[in-house]
N, C-alpha and C. Protein backbone atom coordinates (compact mmCIF):
# COMPACT_ATOMS: atom_id res chain seq x y z
N UNK A 1 2.07 2.57 1.57
CA UNK A 1 2.28 1.18 1.51
C UNK A 1 1.82 0.66 0.20
N UNK A 2 2.49 -0.36 -0.35
CA UNK A 2 2.13 -0.91 -1.63
C UNK A 2 1.05 -1.96 -1.48
N UNK A 3 0.18 -2.04 -2.51
CA UNK A 3 -0.86 -3.05 -2.53
C UNK A 3 -0.37 -4.29 -3.23
N UNK A 4 -0.75 -5.45 -2.74
CA UNK A 4 -0.40 -6.70 -3.39
C UNK A 4 -1.63 -7.20 -4.12
N UNK A 5 -1.48 -7.38 -5.42
CA UNK A 5 -2.60 -7.78 -6.26
C UNK A 5 -2.29 -9.11 -6.92
N UNK A 6 -2.78 -10.25 -6.38
CA UNK A 6 -2.49 -11.53 -7.02
C UNK A 6 -3.19 -11.61 -8.37
N UNK A 7 -2.44 -12.04 -9.39
CA UNK A 7 -3.05 -12.14 -10.70
C UNK A 7 -3.35 -13.58 -11.10
N UNK A 8 -2.66 -14.55 -10.51
CA UNK A 8 -3.00 -15.93 -10.78
C UNK A 8 -2.45 -16.81 -9.68
N UNK A 9 -3.04 -17.97 -9.51
CA UNK A 9 -2.59 -18.91 -8.51
C UNK A 9 -2.81 -20.31 -9.03
N UNK A 10 -1.86 -21.21 -8.77
CA UNK A 10 -2.06 -22.58 -9.21
C UNK A 10 -1.47 -23.52 -8.18
N UNK A 11 -1.98 -24.72 -8.15
CA UNK A 11 -1.50 -25.73 -7.23
C UNK A 11 -1.48 -27.06 -7.96
N UNK A 12 -0.46 -27.90 -7.72
CA UNK A 12 -0.37 -29.14 -8.45
C UNK A 12 -1.25 -30.24 -7.86
N UNK A 13 -1.49 -30.22 -6.56
CA UNK A 13 -2.33 -31.22 -5.92
C UNK A 13 -2.76 -30.71 -4.55
N UNK A 14 -3.65 -31.41 -3.90
CA UNK A 14 -4.08 -30.97 -2.58
C UNK A 14 -3.58 -31.94 -1.52
N UNK A 15 -3.54 -31.48 -0.27
CA UNK A 15 -3.08 -32.30 0.84
C UNK A 15 -4.26 -32.93 1.55
N UNK A 16 -4.17 -34.21 1.87
CA UNK A 16 -5.24 -34.85 2.63
C UNK A 16 -4.88 -34.80 4.11
N UNK A 17 -5.89 -34.88 4.97
CA UNK A 17 -5.65 -34.81 6.41
C UNK A 17 -4.83 -36.00 6.89
N UNK A 18 -4.94 -37.16 6.22
CA UNK A 18 -4.16 -38.32 6.64
C UNK A 18 -2.68 -38.12 6.34
N UNK A 19 -2.34 -37.47 5.21
CA UNK A 19 -0.93 -37.24 4.90
C UNK A 19 -0.34 -36.18 5.81
N UNK A 20 -1.15 -35.21 6.27
CA UNK A 20 -0.66 -34.18 7.17
C UNK A 20 -0.32 -34.76 8.54
N UNK A 21 -1.07 -35.73 9.00
CA UNK A 21 -0.89 -36.29 10.33
C UNK A 21 0.26 -37.29 10.38
N UNK A 22 0.62 -37.91 9.25
CA UNK A 22 1.58 -39.00 9.27
C UNK A 22 3.04 -38.56 9.33
N UNK A 23 3.40 -37.41 8.80
CA UNK A 23 4.79 -36.97 8.85
C UNK A 23 4.85 -35.45 8.83
N UNK A 24 5.93 -34.89 9.38
CA UNK A 24 6.03 -33.42 9.41
C UNK A 24 6.24 -32.86 8.00
N UNK A 25 5.68 -31.69 7.80
CA UNK A 25 5.81 -31.03 6.51
C UNK A 25 7.00 -30.07 6.55
N UNK A 26 7.63 -29.91 5.42
CA UNK A 26 8.66 -28.90 5.27
C UNK A 26 8.20 -27.93 4.19
N UNK A 27 8.56 -26.66 4.35
CA UNK A 27 8.14 -25.62 3.43
C UNK A 27 9.37 -24.90 2.91
N UNK A 28 9.33 -24.55 1.63
CA UNK A 28 10.41 -23.76 1.04
C UNK A 28 9.81 -22.78 0.04
N UNK A 29 10.11 -21.49 0.24
CA UNK A 29 9.63 -20.44 -0.63
C UNK A 29 10.75 -20.02 -1.59
N UNK A 30 10.37 -19.72 -2.82
CA UNK A 30 11.30 -19.12 -3.78
C UNK A 30 10.58 -17.95 -4.44
N UNK A 31 11.37 -17.06 -5.02
CA UNK A 31 10.78 -15.91 -5.70
C UNK A 31 11.50 -15.68 -7.01
N UNK A 32 10.79 -15.06 -7.92
CA UNK A 32 11.39 -14.63 -9.18
C UNK A 32 10.97 -13.19 -9.40
N UNK A 33 11.89 -12.26 -9.50
CA UNK A 33 13.34 -12.45 -9.45
C UNK A 33 13.80 -12.89 -8.06
N UNK A 34 14.85 -13.72 -8.04
CA UNK A 34 15.30 -14.33 -6.78
C UNK A 34 16.08 -13.38 -5.88
N UNK A 35 16.57 -12.29 -6.40
CA UNK A 35 17.42 -11.38 -5.62
C UNK A 35 16.63 -10.41 -4.74
N UNK A 36 15.31 -10.46 -4.75
CA UNK A 36 14.53 -9.44 -4.03
C UNK A 36 14.43 -9.68 -2.54
N UNK A 37 14.54 -10.92 -2.08
CA UNK A 37 14.30 -11.21 -0.68
C UNK A 37 15.56 -11.01 0.15
N UNK A 38 15.48 -10.18 1.21
CA UNK A 38 16.66 -9.98 2.07
C UNK A 38 16.96 -11.25 2.86
N UNK A 39 18.20 -11.35 3.33
CA UNK A 39 18.63 -12.55 4.06
C UNK A 39 17.81 -12.78 5.33
N UNK A 40 17.25 -11.74 5.92
CA UNK A 40 16.50 -11.87 7.16
C UNK A 40 15.12 -12.52 6.97
N UNK A 41 14.66 -12.64 5.73
CA UNK A 41 13.34 -13.22 5.46
C UNK A 41 13.44 -14.74 5.51
N UNK A 42 12.59 -15.36 6.34
CA UNK A 42 12.58 -16.82 6.45
C UNK A 42 11.91 -17.42 5.22
N UNK A 43 12.61 -18.35 4.58
CA UNK A 43 12.08 -19.01 3.39
C UNK A 43 11.60 -20.42 3.70
N UNK A 44 11.54 -20.79 5.00
CA UNK A 44 11.18 -22.16 5.35
C UNK A 44 9.94 -22.24 6.22
N UNK A 45 9.20 -21.18 6.36
CA UNK A 45 7.99 -21.20 7.19
C UNK A 45 6.73 -21.41 6.36
N UNK A 46 5.63 -21.60 7.04
CA UNK A 46 4.35 -21.80 6.36
C UNK A 46 3.86 -20.50 5.73
N UNK A 47 4.32 -19.35 6.26
CA UNK A 47 3.98 -18.04 5.70
C UNK A 47 5.24 -17.33 5.28
N UNK A 48 5.15 -16.50 4.25
CA UNK A 48 6.26 -15.68 3.79
C UNK A 48 5.92 -14.23 4.13
N UNK A 49 6.75 -13.59 4.95
CA UNK A 49 6.53 -12.19 5.33
C UNK A 49 7.63 -11.35 4.71
N UNK A 50 7.25 -10.43 3.84
CA UNK A 50 8.20 -9.56 3.17
C UNK A 50 8.02 -8.16 3.74
N UNK A 51 9.08 -7.55 4.25
CA UNK A 51 8.96 -6.21 4.85
C UNK A 51 8.50 -5.17 3.83
N UNK A 52 7.90 -4.11 4.33
CA UNK A 52 7.46 -3.01 3.48
C UNK A 52 8.66 -2.40 2.75
N UNK A 53 8.41 -1.85 1.59
CA UNK A 53 9.38 -1.13 0.75
C UNK A 53 10.44 -2.03 0.13
N UNK A 54 10.29 -3.35 0.19
CA UNK A 54 11.24 -4.27 -0.45
C UNK A 54 10.85 -4.47 -1.92
N UNK A 55 9.56 -4.67 -2.17
CA UNK A 55 9.09 -4.91 -3.53
C UNK A 55 8.92 -3.60 -4.27
N UNK A 56 9.29 -3.59 -5.53
CA UNK A 56 9.28 -2.38 -6.34
C UNK A 56 7.96 -2.30 -7.12
N UNK A 57 7.27 -1.16 -7.06
CA UNK A 57 6.03 -1.01 -7.83
C UNK A 57 6.27 -1.22 -9.33
N UNK A 58 5.25 -1.73 -10.00
CA UNK A 58 5.24 -1.98 -11.45
C UNK A 58 6.26 -3.05 -11.86
N UNK A 59 6.64 -3.92 -10.93
CA UNK A 59 7.53 -5.05 -11.23
C UNK A 59 6.76 -6.34 -10.96
N UNK A 60 6.70 -7.25 -11.93
CA UNK A 60 6.00 -8.53 -11.68
C UNK A 60 6.88 -9.49 -10.86
N UNK A 61 6.26 -10.18 -9.92
CA UNK A 61 6.96 -11.15 -9.08
C UNK A 61 6.19 -12.47 -9.13
N UNK A 62 6.92 -13.58 -9.03
CA UNK A 62 6.29 -14.90 -8.89
C UNK A 62 6.86 -15.53 -7.63
N UNK A 63 5.97 -15.94 -6.72
CA UNK A 63 6.36 -16.60 -5.49
C UNK A 63 5.87 -18.05 -5.58
N UNK A 64 6.76 -18.98 -5.23
CA UNK A 64 6.44 -20.40 -5.29
C UNK A 64 6.68 -21.02 -3.92
N UNK A 65 5.74 -21.83 -3.47
CA UNK A 65 5.86 -22.58 -2.22
C UNK A 65 5.99 -24.06 -2.55
N UNK A 66 7.06 -24.67 -2.04
CA UNK A 66 7.25 -26.12 -2.18
C UNK A 66 6.96 -26.75 -0.81
N UNK A 67 6.06 -27.72 -0.79
CA UNK A 67 5.70 -28.43 0.44
C UNK A 67 6.14 -29.87 0.26
N UNK A 68 6.86 -30.39 1.27
CA UNK A 68 7.37 -31.74 1.16
C UNK A 68 7.15 -32.49 2.46
N UNK A 69 7.08 -33.81 2.34
CA UNK A 69 6.96 -34.71 3.47
C UNK A 69 7.46 -36.06 3.02
N UNK A 70 7.98 -36.85 3.93
CA UNK A 70 8.46 -38.18 3.58
C UNK A 70 7.31 -39.09 3.14
N UNK A 71 6.08 -38.73 3.48
CA UNK A 71 4.94 -39.58 3.11
C UNK A 71 4.36 -39.23 1.74
N UNK A 72 4.83 -38.18 1.09
CA UNK A 72 4.30 -37.81 -0.22
C UNK A 72 4.88 -38.75 -1.28
N UNK A 73 4.02 -39.34 -2.05
CA UNK A 73 4.46 -40.17 -3.17
C UNK A 73 4.64 -39.25 -4.37
N UNK A 74 5.78 -39.32 -5.00
CA UNK A 74 6.01 -38.49 -6.18
C UNK A 74 6.71 -37.18 -5.88
N UNK A 75 7.13 -36.94 -4.66
CA UNK A 75 7.91 -35.74 -4.36
C UNK A 75 7.10 -34.57 -3.85
N UNK A 76 7.75 -33.42 -3.78
CA UNK A 76 7.11 -32.24 -3.19
C UNK A 76 5.96 -31.71 -4.03
N UNK A 77 5.07 -31.01 -3.36
CA UNK A 77 3.95 -30.34 -4.01
C UNK A 77 4.29 -28.86 -4.09
N UNK A 78 3.72 -28.17 -5.08
CA UNK A 78 4.04 -26.75 -5.20
C UNK A 78 2.81 -25.94 -5.58
N UNK A 79 2.88 -24.68 -5.24
CA UNK A 79 1.86 -23.71 -5.64
C UNK A 79 2.60 -22.41 -5.93
N UNK A 80 2.13 -21.68 -6.94
CA UNK A 80 2.76 -20.41 -7.31
C UNK A 80 1.70 -19.33 -7.41
N UNK A 81 2.14 -18.10 -7.18
CA UNK A 81 1.25 -16.96 -7.33
C UNK A 81 2.05 -15.83 -7.97
N UNK A 82 1.40 -15.14 -8.90
CA UNK A 82 1.99 -13.97 -9.54
C UNK A 82 1.47 -12.74 -8.82
N UNK A 83 2.39 -11.83 -8.46
CA UNK A 83 2.03 -10.65 -7.67
C UNK A 83 2.53 -9.40 -8.39
N UNK A 84 1.66 -8.40 -8.46
CA UNK A 84 2.04 -7.09 -8.99
C UNK A 84 1.88 -6.07 -7.88
N UNK A 85 2.86 -5.21 -7.72
CA UNK A 85 2.82 -4.16 -6.70
C UNK A 85 2.37 -2.88 -7.40
N UNK A 86 1.28 -2.31 -6.95
CA UNK A 86 0.76 -1.09 -7.58
C UNK A 86 1.37 0.14 -6.91
N UNK A 87 1.46 1.21 -7.65
CA UNK A 87 1.96 2.48 -7.11
C UNK A 87 0.84 3.14 -6.30
N UNK A 88 1.23 3.80 -5.24
CA UNK A 88 0.27 4.56 -4.43
C UNK A 88 0.26 6.00 -4.90
N UNK A 89 -0.87 6.64 -4.78
CA UNK A 89 -0.96 8.06 -5.12
C UNK A 89 -0.33 8.88 -4.00
N UNK A 90 0.29 10.01 -4.35
CA UNK A 90 0.80 10.88 -3.29
C UNK A 90 -0.35 11.37 -2.40
N UNK A 91 -0.03 11.67 -1.17
CA UNK A 91 -1.02 12.17 -0.22
C UNK A 91 -0.77 13.67 -0.03
N UNK A 92 -1.75 14.48 -0.41
CA UNK A 92 -1.66 15.93 -0.25
C UNK A 92 -2.37 16.33 1.03
N UNK A 93 -1.70 17.16 1.83
CA UNK A 93 -2.27 17.60 3.10
C UNK A 93 -1.93 19.07 3.30
N UNK A 94 -2.93 19.85 3.65
CA UNK A 94 -2.73 21.28 3.91
C UNK A 94 -3.14 21.57 5.35
N UNK A 95 -2.27 22.27 6.06
CA UNK A 95 -2.55 22.73 7.41
C UNK A 95 -2.64 24.25 7.35
N UNK A 96 -3.67 24.81 7.93
CA UNK A 96 -3.79 26.27 7.96
C UNK A 96 -5.19 26.67 8.36
N UNK A 97 -5.34 27.93 8.68
CA UNK A 97 -6.64 28.47 9.07
C UNK A 97 -7.54 28.63 7.86
N UNK A 98 -8.83 28.36 8.03
CA UNK A 98 -9.79 28.56 6.95
C UNK A 98 -10.52 29.89 7.08
N UNK A 99 -10.44 30.50 8.25
CA UNK A 99 -11.05 31.81 8.46
C UNK A 99 -10.02 32.70 9.14
N UNK A 100 -9.66 33.79 8.48
CA UNK A 100 -8.71 34.74 9.06
C UNK A 100 -9.24 36.15 8.84
N UNK A 101 -8.73 37.08 9.60
CA UNK A 101 -9.09 38.48 9.42
C UNK A 101 -8.35 39.08 8.24
N UNK A 102 -8.88 40.17 7.69
CA UNK A 102 -8.28 40.84 6.54
C UNK A 102 -6.88 41.34 6.84
N UNK A 103 -6.58 41.63 8.11
CA UNK A 103 -5.26 42.16 8.48
C UNK A 103 -4.26 41.06 8.84
N UNK A 104 -4.68 39.79 8.76
CA UNK A 104 -3.80 38.68 9.12
C UNK A 104 -3.23 38.03 7.86
N UNK A 105 -1.97 37.57 7.93
CA UNK A 105 -1.42 36.85 6.78
C UNK A 105 -2.02 35.44 6.72
N UNK A 106 -2.15 34.93 5.53
CA UNK A 106 -2.61 33.55 5.32
C UNK A 106 -1.37 32.67 5.19
N UNK A 107 -1.27 31.69 6.06
CA UNK A 107 -0.13 30.77 6.02
C UNK A 107 -0.69 29.36 5.87
N UNK A 108 -0.33 28.73 4.76
CA UNK A 108 -0.73 27.34 4.49
C UNK A 108 0.52 26.48 4.47
N UNK A 109 0.44 25.31 5.07
CA UNK A 109 1.60 24.43 5.24
C UNK A 109 1.31 23.08 4.59
N UNK A 110 2.11 22.69 3.62
CA UNK A 110 1.94 21.40 2.94
C UNK A 110 2.95 20.36 3.39
N UNK A 111 3.62 20.58 4.52
CA UNK A 111 4.71 19.69 4.94
C UNK A 111 4.26 18.28 5.33
N UNK A 112 3.00 18.07 5.58
CA UNK A 112 2.51 16.71 5.90
C UNK A 112 2.17 15.91 4.65
N UNK A 113 2.32 16.51 3.48
CA UNK A 113 2.13 15.78 2.23
C UNK A 113 3.28 14.79 2.08
N UNK A 114 3.00 13.64 1.46
CA UNK A 114 4.06 12.63 1.33
C UNK A 114 3.74 11.64 0.22
N UNK A 115 4.77 10.90 -0.16
CA UNK A 115 4.65 9.81 -1.12
C UNK A 115 4.74 8.50 -0.35
N UNK A 116 3.64 7.76 -0.19
CA UNK A 116 3.66 6.56 0.64
C UNK A 116 4.50 5.40 0.08
N UNK A 117 4.99 5.52 -1.16
CA UNK A 117 5.83 4.47 -1.73
C UNK A 117 7.31 4.61 -1.36
N UNK A 118 7.66 5.63 -0.58
CA UNK A 118 9.06 5.84 -0.20
C UNK A 118 9.21 5.80 1.32
N UNK A 119 10.31 5.23 1.77
CA UNK A 119 10.60 5.17 3.21
C UNK A 119 10.72 6.58 3.76
N UNK A 120 11.49 7.42 3.07
CA UNK A 120 11.60 8.84 3.45
C UNK A 120 10.39 9.53 2.83
N UNK A 121 9.36 9.77 3.63
CA UNK A 121 8.08 10.22 3.10
C UNK A 121 8.12 11.60 2.45
N UNK A 122 9.20 12.35 2.64
CA UNK A 122 9.27 13.69 2.05
C UNK A 122 10.13 13.73 0.79
N UNK A 123 10.64 12.59 0.34
CA UNK A 123 11.57 12.56 -0.78
C UNK A 123 10.86 12.91 -2.11
N UNK A 124 11.54 13.68 -2.92
CA UNK A 124 11.13 13.97 -4.30
C UNK A 124 9.74 14.57 -4.46
N UNK A 125 9.32 15.41 -3.54
CA UNK A 125 8.03 16.06 -3.69
C UNK A 125 8.21 17.45 -4.28
N UNK A 126 7.39 17.79 -5.24
CA UNK A 126 7.35 19.14 -5.81
C UNK A 126 5.99 19.72 -5.46
N UNK A 127 5.97 20.95 -4.98
CA UNK A 127 4.73 21.58 -4.57
C UNK A 127 4.32 22.64 -5.58
N UNK A 128 3.04 22.66 -5.89
CA UNK A 128 2.49 23.69 -6.77
C UNK A 128 1.21 24.19 -6.11
N UNK A 129 1.14 25.49 -5.85
CA UNK A 129 0.00 26.08 -5.17
C UNK A 129 -0.79 26.92 -6.16
N UNK A 130 -2.09 26.94 -5.99
CA UNK A 130 -2.94 27.84 -6.78
C UNK A 130 -3.99 28.44 -5.85
N UNK A 131 -4.54 29.56 -6.29
CA UNK A 131 -5.54 30.25 -5.49
C UNK A 131 -6.67 30.68 -6.42
N UNK A 132 -7.88 30.47 -5.98
CA UNK A 132 -9.02 30.93 -6.78
C UNK A 132 -10.05 31.55 -5.85
N UNK A 133 -10.85 32.43 -6.40
CA UNK A 133 -11.87 33.13 -5.64
C UNK A 133 -13.14 32.29 -5.63
N UNK A 134 -13.83 32.25 -4.48
CA UNK A 134 -15.06 31.49 -4.36
C UNK A 134 -16.24 32.44 -4.24
N UNK A 135 -17.35 32.09 -4.87
CA UNK A 135 -18.58 32.85 -4.68
C UNK A 135 -19.21 32.46 -3.35
N UNK A 136 -20.17 33.21 -2.90
CA UNK A 136 -20.85 32.88 -1.64
C UNK A 136 -21.48 31.49 -1.69
N UNK A 137 -22.04 31.11 -2.83
CA UNK A 137 -22.66 29.78 -2.91
C UNK A 137 -21.60 28.68 -2.85
N UNK A 138 -20.41 28.93 -3.42
CA UNK A 138 -19.32 27.94 -3.33
C UNK A 138 -18.83 27.82 -1.90
N UNK A 139 -18.69 28.96 -1.22
CA UNK A 139 -18.23 28.95 0.17
C UNK A 139 -19.23 28.21 1.04
N UNK A 140 -20.53 28.44 0.82
CA UNK A 140 -21.53 27.78 1.66
C UNK A 140 -21.55 26.27 1.43
N UNK A 141 -21.24 25.83 0.22
CA UNK A 141 -21.21 24.38 0.00
C UNK A 141 -19.95 23.76 0.61
N UNK A 142 -18.84 24.49 0.64
CA UNK A 142 -17.62 23.98 1.24
C UNK A 142 -17.64 24.09 2.76
N UNK A 143 -18.23 25.18 3.28
CA UNK A 143 -18.26 25.43 4.72
C UNK A 143 -19.70 25.72 5.16
N UNK A 144 -20.53 24.70 5.26
CA UNK A 144 -21.96 24.91 5.57
C UNK A 144 -22.21 25.47 6.96
N UNK A 145 -21.24 25.40 7.86
CA UNK A 145 -21.45 25.87 9.23
C UNK A 145 -21.24 27.37 9.39
N UNK A 146 -20.79 28.05 8.34
CA UNK A 146 -20.58 29.49 8.46
C UNK A 146 -21.94 30.20 8.56
N UNK A 147 -22.02 31.17 9.46
CA UNK A 147 -23.29 31.91 9.63
C UNK A 147 -23.48 32.88 8.47
N UNK A 148 -24.73 33.14 8.10
CA UNK A 148 -25.06 34.07 7.01
C UNK A 148 -26.09 35.08 7.52
N UNK A 149 -26.03 36.29 6.95
CA UNK A 149 -27.06 37.28 7.29
C UNK A 149 -28.14 37.29 6.21
N UNK A 150 -29.09 38.20 6.28
CA UNK A 150 -30.20 38.23 5.34
C UNK A 150 -29.80 38.54 3.89
N UNK A 151 -28.63 39.17 3.70
CA UNK A 151 -28.16 39.50 2.35
C UNK A 151 -27.34 38.38 1.72
N UNK A 152 -27.31 37.22 2.36
CA UNK A 152 -26.56 36.05 1.91
C UNK A 152 -25.05 36.31 1.89
N UNK A 153 -24.59 37.24 2.72
CA UNK A 153 -23.15 37.46 2.84
C UNK A 153 -22.66 36.76 4.10
N UNK A 154 -21.40 36.39 4.08
CA UNK A 154 -20.83 35.65 5.20
C UNK A 154 -20.56 36.61 6.36
N UNK A 155 -20.97 36.20 7.55
CA UNK A 155 -20.74 37.01 8.75
C UNK A 155 -19.39 36.71 9.35
């Protein structure tokens, strides 16, 4: 999922409780770029809900709310916010046994790895595997529950 990071916010004036009670408020949202919002998104509510995967990472957006009422002198009030969508890091996941016998094959599965910025979580993933040998002290720090004998070798 993408993170929303507001970079600035401004408002032209504030609403008093007396103006809120005297007439109904109307709300209208706009965005820049204007083509990003699907037709199903309501632009006339007090909140703007944009579905996941609509906004593109590393693209700046400006959302503006216009609030109007027949009791406002001077016309509608507005507030704008600049939003940047950050990219998410890929999620690496390995499934497999951590302890196997010498006569057993080692099978590691990376199929649960995914890119959270894409609807199809398996799209465009490249896998690169490496293997390195661990000393007994490295193994004990990674797997402290493994039993050891007096020679400090793994049982």
